């Protein structure tokens, strides 16, 4: 009977011994995993450093070629002291065009010159009077010039209308249609 009374105490002592042992094994495994992750990070950083050093080494090895390219093709140079600007406003002024150009009205030869019209009419404004018509330099009136322009436009229209009639013969158009059909079939 005394053995039965110590059976519960034995299970309790077994649990007290096994539980800390399991905890220690788990924490040791977590510590090893952390060391392994730190080592992987160090390896990756070392690989990055190696790539950077290799790039720098190759660049320095090719420095003579780069200098030759700069002298022959690129012509790069360090900025001179005169290229620096004193302030932001000086930099902004570089973007402004030297002379502002505005659009102007194109008046055909022989047409009367138009006078500028005020945008807002006031009660004291004087009525605008038409300027005298300028005489064309060629000595022809505006009506004659208009008629010549109209005749030229009609001739051009006739020429354009004739282009679609005789450029390609019907046999050439038929051959082109057959070739187009063959290409459509070949694409399917």
C-alpha atoms as a PDB file:
ATOM      1  CA  UNK A   1       0.000   0.000   0.000  1.00  0.00           C
ATOM      2  CA  UNK A   2       2.832   2.339   0.625  1.00  0.00           C
ATOM      3  CA  UNK A   3       3.875   1.858  -2.989  1.00  0.00           C
ATOM      4  CA  UNK A   4       0.469   3.067  -4.109  1.00  0.00           C
ATOM      5  CA  UNK A   5       0.837   6.282  -2.151  1.00  0.00           C
ATOM      6  CA  UNK A   6       4.200   7.095  -3.762  1.00  0.00           C
ATOM      7  CA  UNK A   7       2.901   6.451  -7.303  1.00  0.00           C
ATOM      8  CA  UNK A   8       1.345   9.966  -7.600  1.00  0.00           C
ATOM      9  CA  UNK A   9       4.493  11.522  -6.210  1.00  0.00           C
ATOM     10  CA  UNK A  10       6.566   9.639  -8.827  1.00  0.00           C
ATOM     11  CA  UNK A  11       4.487  10.977 -11.684  1.00  0.00           C
ATOM     12  CA  UNK A  12       4.811  14.501 -10.302  1.00  0.00           C
ATOM     13  CA  UNK A  13       8.605  14.229 -10.022  1.00  0.00           C
ATOM     14  CA  UNK A  14       8.788  12.769 -13.547  1.00  0.00           C
ATOM     15  CA  UNK A  15       6.806  15.772 -14.894  1.00  0.00           C
ATOM     16  CA  UNK A  16       8.992  18.230 -12.957  1.00  0.00           C
ATOM     17  CA  UNK A  17      12.132  16.722 -14.504  1.00  0.00           C
ATOM     18  CA  UNK A  18      10.855  16.190 -18.084  1.00  0.00           C
ATOM     19  CA  UNK A  19       9.158  19.590 -18.591  1.00  0.00           C
ATOM     20  CA  UNK A  20      12.296  21.731 -18.007  1.00  0.00           C
ATOM     21  CA  UNK A  21      14.336  19.321 -20.119  1.00  0.00           C
ATOM     22  CA  UNK A  22      11.898  19.745 -23.060  1.00  0.00           C
ATOM     23  CA  UNK A  23      11.964  23.517 -22.597  1.00  0.00           C
ATOM     24  CA  UNK A  24      15.770  23.549 -22.664  1.00  0.00           C
ATOM     25  CA  UNK A  25      15.868  21.443 -25.832  1.00  0.00           C
ATOM     26  CA  UNK A  26      13.385  23.786 -27.563  1.00  0.00           C
ATOM     27  CA  UNK A  27      15.196  26.967 -26.540  1.00  0.00           C
ATOM     28  CA  UNK A  28      18.551  25.464 -27.640  1.00  0.00           C
ATOM     29  CA  UNK A  29      16.997  24.652 -31.064  1.00  0.00           C
ATOM     30  CA  UNK A  30      15.609  28.206 -31.378  1.00  0.00           C
ATOM     31  CA  UNK A  31      19.032  29.640 -30.496  1.00  0.00           C
ATOM     32  CA  UNK A  32      20.685  27.496 -33.157  1.00  0.00           C
ATOM     33  CA  UNK A  33      18.040  28.575 -35.715  1.00  0.00           C
ATOM     34  CA  UNK A  34      18.727  32.252 -34.896  1.00  0.00           C
ATOM     35  CA  UNK A  35      22.472  31.694 -35.344  1.00  0.00           C
ATOM     36  CA  UNK A  36      21.797  29.961 -38.676  1.00  0.00           C
ATOM     37  CA  UNK A  37      19.613  32.872 -39.898  1.00  0.00           C
ATOM     38  CA  UNK A  38      22.291  35.373 -38.833  1.00  0.00           C
ATOM     39  CA  UNK A  39      24.900  33.371 -40.727  1.00  0.00           C
ATOM     40  CA  UNK A  40      22.706  33.325 -43.873  1.00  0.00           C
ATOM     41  CA  UNK A  41      22.314  37.116 -43.620  1.00  0.00           C
ATOM     42  CA  UNK A  42      26.071  37.528 -43.234  1.00  0.00           C
ATOM     43  CA  UNK A  43      26.660  35.322 -46.294  1.00  0.00           C
ATOM     44  CA  UNK A  44      24.224  37.367 -48.396  1.00  0.00           C
ATOM     45  CA  UNK A  45      25.865  40.618 -47.261  1.00  0.00           C
ATOM     46  CA  UNK A  46      29.298  39.197 -48.095  1.00  0.00           C
ATOM     47  CA  UNK A  47      28.064  38.211 -51.576  1.00  0.00           C
ATOM     48  CA  UNK A  48      26.755  41.766 -52.131  1.00  0.00           C
ATOM     49  CA  UNK A  49      30.078  43.196 -51.008  1.00  0.00           C
ATOM     50  CA  UNK A  50      31.950  40.812 -53.316  1.00  0.00           C
ATOM     51  CA  UNK A  51      29.784  41.867 -56.288  1.00  0.00           C
ATOM     52  CA  UNK A  52      30.393  45.537 -55.457  1.00  0.00           C
ATOM     53  CA  UNK A  53      34.144  45.006 -55.196  1.00  0.00           C
ATOM     54  CA  UNK A  54      34.216  43.011 -58.445  1.00  0.00           C
ATOM     55  CA  UNK A  55      32.356  45.795 -60.210  1.00  0.00           C
ATOM     56  CA  UNK A  56      34.736  48.403 -58.848  1.00  0.00           C
ATOM     57  CA  UNK A  57      37.732  46.271 -59.802  1.00  0.00           C
ATOM     58  CA  UNK A  58      36.437  45.808 -63.366  1.00  0.00           C
ATOM     59  CA  UNK A  59      35.696  49.519 -63.637  1.00  0.00           C
ATOM     60  CA  UNK A  60      39.173  50.436 -62.495  1.00  0.00           C
ATOM     61  CA  UNK A  61      40.641  47.840 -64.851  1.00  0.00           C
ATOM     62  CA  UNK A  62      38.736  49.457 -67.743  1.00  0.00           C
ATOM     63  CA  UNK A  63      39.538  53.020 -66.640  1.00  0.00           C
ATOM     64  CA  UNK A  64      41.875  53.552 -69.591  1.00  0.00           C
ATOM     65  CA  UNK A  65      39.080  52.571 -72.004  1.00  0.00           C
ATOM     66  CA  UNK A  66      36.611  54.839 -70.212  1.00  0.00           C
ATOM     67  CA  UNK A  67      39.037  57.772 -70.390  1.00  0.00           C
ATOM     68  CA  UNK A  68      39.578  57.097 -74.082  1.00  0.00           C
ATOM     69  CA  UNK A  69      35.786  57.079 -74.691  1.00  0.00           C
ATOM     70  CA  UNK A  70      35.436  60.306 -72.725  1.00  0.00           C
ATOM     71  CA  UNK A  71      38.131  61.989 -74.781  1.00  0.00           C
ATOM     72  CA  UNK A  72      36.865  60.762 -78.158  1.00  0.00           C
ATOM     73  CA  UNK A  73      33.086  60.477 -77.832  1.00  0.00           C
ATOM     74  CA  UNK A  74      31.546  61.731 -74.617  1.00  0.00           C
ATOM     75  CA  UNK A  75      33.733  64.802 -73.925  1.00  0.00           C
ATOM     76  CA  UNK A  76      32.549  65.039 -70.330  1.00  0.00           C
ATOM     77  CA  UNK A  77      34.250  67.496 -67.991  1.00  0.00           C
ATOM     78  CA  UNK A  78      33.791  68.747 -64.474  1.00  0.00           C
ATOM     79  CA  UNK A  79      31.681  71.909 -64.262  1.00  0.00           C
ATOM     80  CA  UNK A  80      33.601  75.166 -64.336  1.00  0.00           C
ATOM     81  CA  UNK A  81      33.010  77.800 -61.646  1.00  0.00           C
ATOM     82  CA  UNK A  82      31.191  79.992 -64.167  1.00  0.00           C
ATOM     83  CA  UNK A  83      28.561  77.307 -64.691  1.00  0.00           C
ATOM     84  CA  UNK A  84      27.235  77.544 -61.131  1.00  0.00           C
ATOM     85  CA  UNK A  85      24.366  79.954 -60.553  1.00  0.00           C
ATOM     86  CA  UNK A  86      23.975  82.252 -57.572  1.00  0.00           C
ATOM     87  CA  UNK A  87      20.316  81.565 -56.788  1.00  0.00           C
ATOM     88  CA  UNK A  88      17.154  79.747 -57.768  1.00  0.00           C
ATOM     89  CA  UNK A  89      15.867  82.797 -59.600  1.00  0.00           C
ATOM     90  CA  UNK A  90      18.931  82.780 -61.835  1.00  0.00           C
ATOM     91  CA  UNK A  91      18.211  79.143 -62.625  1.00  0.00           C
ATOM     92  CA  UNK A  92      14.573  79.915 -63.384  1.00  0.00           C
ATOM     93  CA  UNK A  93      15.563  82.789 -65.666  1.00  0.00           C
ATOM     94  CA  UNK A  94      17.468  80.356 -67.888  1.00  0.00           C
ATOM     95  CA  UNK A  95      14.161  78.744 -68.840  1.00  0.00           C
ATOM     96  CA  UNK A  96      12.644  82.012 -70.096  1.00  0.00           C
ATOM     97  CA  UNK A  97      12.917  82.667 -73.847  1.00  0.00           C
ATOM     98  CA  UNK A  98      15.014  85.662 -74.815  1.00  0.00           C
ATOM     99  CA  UNK A  99      12.344  87.157 -77.051  1.00  0.00           C
ATOM    100  CA  UNK A 100       8.630  86.460 -76.882  1.00  0.00           C
ATOM    101  CA  UNK A 101       7.049  85.882 -80.267  1.00  0.00           C
ATOM    102  CA  UNK A 102       3.346  86.202 -80.827  1.00  0.00           C
ATOM    103  CA  UNK A 103       1.173  84.947 -83.626  1.00  0.00           C
ATOM    104  CA  UNK A 104       0.190  87.542 -86.180  1.00  0.00           C
ATOM    105  CA  UNK A 105      -2.599  87.752 -88.700  1.00  0.00           C
ATOM    106  CA  UNK A 106      -1.577  86.905 -92.253  1.00  0.00           C
ATOM    107  CA  UNK A 107      -3.267  89.235 -94.695  1.00  0.00           C
ATOM    108  CA  UNK A 108      -3.325  88.103 -98.328  1.00  0.00           C
ATOM    109  CA  UNK A 109      -1.965  90.440-100.961  1.00  0.00           C
ATOM    110  CA  UNK A 110      -4.558  92.908-102.128  1.00  0.00           C
ATOM    111  CA  UNK A 111      -6.857  92.489 -99.137  1.00  0.00           C
ATOM    112  CA  UNK A 112      -7.657  95.613 -97.144  1.00  0.00           C
ATOM    113  CA  UNK A 113      -5.689  95.916 -93.924  1.00  0.00           C
ATOM    114  CA  UNK A 114      -7.808  95.396 -90.831  1.00  0.00           C
ATOM    115  CA  UNK A 115      -7.652  97.795 -87.941  1.00  0.00           C
ATOM    116  CA  UNK A 116      -7.385  96.427 -84.412  1.00  0.00           C
ATOM    117  CA  UNK A 117     -10.715  96.356 -82.605  1.00  0.00           C
ATOM    118  CA  UNK A 118     -11.075  97.243 -78.927  1.00  0.00           C
ATOM    119  CA  UNK A 119     -12.304  94.355 -76.784  1.00  0.00           C
ATOM    120  CA  UNK A 120     -14.600  96.503 -74.658  1.00  0.00           C
ATOM    121  CA  UNK A 121     -16.562  99.368 -76.193  1.00  0.00           C
ATOM    122  CA  UNK A 122     -17.130 102.411 -74.062  1.00  0.00           C
ATOM    123  CA  UNK A 123     -19.536 105.297 -74.523  1.00  0.00           C
ATOM    124  CA  UNK A 124     -16.745 107.726 -75.342  1.00  0.00           C
ATOM    125  CA  UNK A 125     -15.119 105.481 -77.945  1.00  0.00           C
ATOM    126  CA  UNK A 126     -14.969 106.786 -81.488  1.00  0.00           C
ATOM    127  CA  UNK A 127     -16.397 104.619 -84.278  1.00  0.00           C
ATOM    128  CA  UNK A 128     -13.803 102.601 -86.164  1.00  0.00           C
ATOM    129  CA  UNK A 129     -13.344 103.721 -89.734  1.00  0.00           C
ATOM    130  CA  UNK A 130     -12.139 101.405 -92.457  1.00  0.00           C
ATOM    131  CA  UNK A 131      -8.641 102.001 -93.736  1.00  0.00           C
ATOM    132  CA  UNK A 132      -8.257 102.792 -97.415  1.00  0.00           C
ATOM    133  CA  UNK A 133      -7.727  99.650 -99.473  1.00  0.00           C
ATOM    134  CA  UNK A 134      -4.119  99.033-100.364  1.00  0.00           C
ATOM    135  CA  UNK A 135      -3.368  98.600-104.039  1.00  0.00           C
ATOM    136  CA  UNK A 136      -1.844  95.236-104.924  1.00  0.00           C
ATOM    137  CA  UNK A 137       1.761  95.338-105.980  1.00  0.00           C
ATOM    138  CA  UNK A 138       1.103  93.312-109.141  1.00  0.00           C
ATOM    139  CA  UNK A 139      -1.439  95.818-110.487  1.00  0.00           C
ATOM    140  CA  UNK A 140      -4.298  93.261-110.521  1.00  0.00           C
ATOM    141  CA  UNK A 141      -7.472  93.801-108.602  1.00  0.00           C
ATOM    142  CA  UNK A 142      -8.609  91.488-105.860  1.00  0.00           C
ATOM    143  CA  UNK A 143     -11.381  90.135-108.072  1.00  0.00           C
ATOM    144  CA  UNK A 144      -8.871  89.216-110.819  1.00  0.00           C
ATOM    145  CA  UNK A 145      -6.610  87.462-108.325  1.00  0.00           C
ATOM    146  CA  UNK A 146      -9.605  85.602-106.883  1.00  0.00           C
ATOM    147  CA  UNK A 147     -10.647  84.455-110.360  1.00  0.00           C
ATOM    148  CA  UNK A 148      -7.117  83.199-111.165  1.00  0.00           C
ATOM    149  CA  UNK A 149      -7.046  81.287-107.892  1.00  0.00           C
ATOM    150  CA  UNK A 150     -10.445  79.754-108.677  1.00  0.00           C
ATOM    151  CA  UNK A 151      -9.236  78.648-112.147  1.00  0.00           C
ATOM    152  CA  UNK A 152      -6.106  77.052-110.659  1.00  0.00           C
ATOM    153  CA  UNK A 153      -8.186  75.149-108.119  1.00  0.00           C
ATOM    154  CA  UNK A 154     -10.450  73.779-110.872  1.00  0.00           C
ATOM    155  CA  UNK A 155      -7.421  72.584-112.876  1.00  0.00           C
ATOM    156  CA  UNK A 156      -6.024  70.850-109.776  1.00  0.00           C
ATOM    157  CA  UNK A 157      -9.368  69.170-109.116  1.00  0.00           C
ATOM    158  CA  UNK A 158      -9.432  67.819-112.690  1.00  0.00           C
ATOM    159  CA  UNK A 159      -5.901  66.445-112.337  1.00  0.00           C
ATOM    160  CA  UNK A 160      -6.756  64.713-109.057  1.00  0.00           C
ATOM    161  CA  UNK A 161      -9.896  63.249-110.622  1.00  0.00           C
ATOM    162  CA  UNK A 162      -7.836  61.820-113.497  1.00  0.00           C
ATOM    163  CA  UNK A 163      -5.344  60.129-111.168  1.00  0.00           C
ATOM    164  CA  UNK A 164      -7.803  57.469-110.048  1.00  0.00           C
ATOM    165  CA  UNK A 165      -8.770  56.595-113.632  1.00  0.00           C
ATOM    166  CA  UNK A 166      -5.504  55.673-115.277  1.00  0.00           C
ATOM    167  CA  UNK A 167      -2.897  54.850-112.656  1.00  0.00           C
ATOM    168  CA  UNK A 168      -3.439  51.072-112.496  1.00  0.00           C
ATOM    169  CA  UNK A 169      -4.821  48.893-115.233  1.00  0.00           C
ATOM    170  CA  UNK A 170      -7.592  46.419-114.519  1.00  0.00           C
ATOM    171  CA  UNK A 171      -5.237  43.448-114.992  1.00  0.00           C
ATOM    172  CA  UNK A 172      -2.858  44.842-112.358  1.00  0.00           C
ATOM    173  CA  UNK A 173      -5.720  45.350-109.933  1.00  0.00           C
ATOM    174  CA  UNK A 174      -6.936  41.787-110.559  1.00  0.00           C
ATOM    175  CA  UNK A 175      -3.447  40.408-109.905  1.00  0.00           C
ATOM    176  CA  UNK A 176      -3.238  42.371-106.656  1.00  0.00           C
ATOM    177  CA  UNK A 177      -6.600  40.983-105.551  1.00  0.00           C
ATOM    178  CA  UNK A 178      -5.458  37.415-106.281  1.00  0.00           C
ATOM    179  CA  UNK A 179      -2.253  37.947-104.307  1.00  0.00           C
ATOM    180  CA  UNK A 180      -4.235  39.352-101.383  1.00  0.00           C
ATOM    181  CA  UNK A 181      -6.516  36.304-101.407  1.00  0.00           C
ATOM    182  CA  UNK A 182      -3.500  33.959-101.411  1.00  0.00           C
ATOM    183  CA  UNK A 183      -2.004  35.808 -98.429  1.00  0.00           C
ATOM    184  CA  UNK A 184      -5.286  35.545 -96.521  1.00  0.00           C
ATOM    185  CA  UNK A 185      -5.406  31.796 -97.159  1.00  0.00           C
ATOM    186  CA  UNK A 186      -1.757  31.383 -96.164  1.00  0.00           C
ATOM    187  CA  UNK A 187      -2.389  33.166 -92.867  1.00  0.00           C
ATOM    188  CA  UNK A 188      -5.225  30.804 -91.911  1.00  0.00           C
END
